[in-house]
Amino acid sequence: MFGSKSENGYMEVLNGIKIKTLNYGRDTLMTEFLLKKGSILPEHAHINEQTGYFVKGKMRLFIDGSSRIVTPGDSWNIPSNSKHKAEVIEDSVAIEVFSPGRNDYMKYVYDGDIME
C-alpha cells in the first residue's frame, strides 16, 4: 500500500497529543505523532516493540528508567513490555513504527491517505 501526505485525519488521544496512522501491513504499523509543548505522555508499556524517529521539536523521552532529550534526527527503540513516557519541551513531530502492529491504532487510519 502507498500513503499520501495529508493534513487531515489526526485524532487527539491525550491533551496536546495527536496521532494518525500513516500506513500498516500484516506485521507493522507506522504512525505520526503531533505533540504540543507542555504535553505529557504518561508512563505505560505494551507488547509492541516500538521504533521512533524524531522529525521536529524537542522532548525528553524516558525508557525503562533512563532518559534523554531527543531532537530532530534522533531515533530510539523501545523493547516489548518496557515502561516509557515522554515530556514535550517544544512543539514536536515523531514517526513511530510498531511491531506487531497495534490493532488499537487502526481507528486512527485516515482512509483518504491510504491507497491500495
Protein backbone atom coordinates (compact mmCIF):
# COMPACT_ATOMS: atom_id res chain seq x y z
CA MET A 1 0.00 0.00 0.00
CA PHE A 2 1.00 3.59 -0.50
CA GLY A 3 0.15 6.53 1.74
CA SER A 4 -0.27 10.14 0.68
CA LYS A 5 0.64 13.28 2.61
CA SER A 6 -2.39 14.96 4.14
CA GLU A 7 -3.06 17.43 6.92
CA ASN A 8 -6.32 15.57 7.62
CA GLY A 9 -7.06 12.60 9.83
CA TYR A 10 -5.27 13.43 13.11
CA MET A 11 -7.07 12.44 16.30
CA GLU A 12 -6.30 13.87 19.73
CA VAL A 13 -5.64 10.91 22.05
CA LEU A 14 -4.41 12.90 25.06
CA ASN A 15 -4.35 16.60 25.82
CA GLY A 16 -1.86 18.07 23.30
CA ILE A 17 -1.06 14.73 21.63
CA LYS A 18 -2.49 13.88 18.21
CA ILE A 19 -1.93 10.70 16.22
CA LYS A 20 -2.51 9.48 12.70
CA THR A 21 -1.72 6.02 11.36
CA LEU A 22 0.26 6.64 8.16
CA ASN A 23 0.43 3.07 6.90
CA TYR A 24 0.27 -0.52 8.07
CA GLY A 25 0.91 -4.06 6.97
CA ARG A 26 0.50 -7.55 8.34
CA ASP A 27 3.22 -7.17 10.99
CA THR A 28 3.88 -3.43 11.37
CA LEU A 29 2.07 -0.13 11.77
CA MET A 30 3.56 3.35 11.23
CA THR A 31 2.18 6.44 12.99
CA GLU A 32 2.83 10.15 13.10
CA PHE A 33 2.51 11.97 16.42
CA LEU A 34 1.95 15.74 16.70
CA LEU A 35 2.97 16.79 20.22
CA LYS A 36 2.24 20.21 21.74
CA LYS A 37 4.73 21.92 24.03
CA GLY A 38 4.00 21.04 27.67
CA SER A 39 2.07 17.85 26.94
CA ILE A 40 2.88 14.63 28.77
CA LEU A 41 2.67 11.06 27.52
CA PRO A 42 2.12 9.14 30.78
CA GLU A 43 4.23 6.10 31.62
CA HIS A 44 2.91 2.93 30.02
CA ALA A 45 4.02 -0.34 28.44
CA HIS A 46 2.66 -2.63 25.72
CA ILE A 47 3.61 -5.85 23.96
CA ASN A 48 4.56 -4.00 20.78
CA GLU A 49 8.19 -3.19 20.03
CA GLN A 50 8.35 0.50 19.10
CA THR A 51 10.97 2.25 16.96
CA GLY A 52 10.82 6.01 16.50
CA TYR A 53 12.38 8.86 14.53
CA PHE A 54 12.20 12.46 15.72
CA VAL A 55 11.31 14.91 12.94
CA LYS A 56 10.81 18.26 14.69
CA GLY A 57 10.99 19.90 18.13
CA LYS A 58 12.41 18.70 21.44
CA MET A 59 11.21 16.28 24.09
CA ARG A 60 12.53 14.21 26.99
CA LEU A 61 11.97 10.51 26.41
CA PHE A 62 12.13 8.01 29.26
CA ILE A 63 12.68 4.30 28.54
CA ASP A 64 12.97 1.81 31.42
CA GLY A 65 14.13 4.48 33.87
CA SER A 66 16.71 6.12 31.58
CA SER A 67 16.02 9.45 29.91
CA ARG A 68 17.36 11.52 27.06
CA ILE A 69 16.41 14.77 25.38
CA VAL A 70 15.69 14.00 21.74
CA THR A 71 15.98 16.48 18.89
CA PRO A 72 15.45 16.24 15.11
CA GLY A 73 17.30 13.31 13.58
CA ASP A 74 17.39 11.25 16.80
CA SER A 75 15.85 7.78 16.91
CA TRP A 76 15.01 5.17 19.55
CA ASN A 77 13.81 1.64 20.11
CA ILE A 78 11.52 0.63 22.95
CA PRO A 79 11.53 -3.15 23.54
CA SER A 80 8.31 -5.04 24.11
CA ASN A 81 6.80 -4.52 27.60
CA SER A 82 9.26 -1.71 28.51
CA LYS A 83 7.91 1.19 30.54
CA HIS A 84 8.22 4.53 28.75
CA LYS A 85 6.90 8.10 28.85
CA ALA A 86 7.61 11.50 27.29
CA GLU A 87 7.61 15.17 28.28
CA VAL A 88 7.26 17.53 25.32
CA ILE A 89 9.58 20.56 25.59
CA GLU A 90 8.75 22.17 22.21
CA ASP A 91 6.01 21.55 19.64
CA SER A 92 7.19 18.30 18.08
CA VAL A 93 6.64 15.65 15.42
CA ALA A 94 7.65 11.98 15.75
CA ILE A 95 7.25 8.98 13.46
CA GLU A 96 6.94 5.58 15.14
CA VAL A 97 6.69 2.01 13.88
CA PHE A 98 5.10 -0.72 16.00
CA SER A 99 5.63 -4.45 15.63
CA PRO A 100 3.37 -6.27 15.78
CA GLY A 101 1.03 -3.57 14.53
CA ARG A 102 -1.23 -2.04 17.15
CA ASN A 103 -4.83 -3.01 16.48
CA ASP A 104 -5.98 -0.21 18.80
CA TYR A 105 -4.33 2.33 16.44
CA MET A 106 -6.30 1.11 13.41
CA LYS A 107 -9.08 3.51 14.42
CA TYR A 108 -6.65 6.36 13.62
CA VAL A 109 -6.29 5.39 9.95
CA TYR A 110 -7.44 8.22 7.72
CA ASP A 111 -8.98 6.46 4.72
CA GLY A 112 -8.16 9.34 2.40
CA ASP A 113 -4.44 8.79 2.98
CA ILE A 114 -4.08 5.08 2.24
CA MET A 115 -4.14 3.92 -1.36
CA GLU A 116 -4.06 0.28 -2.42
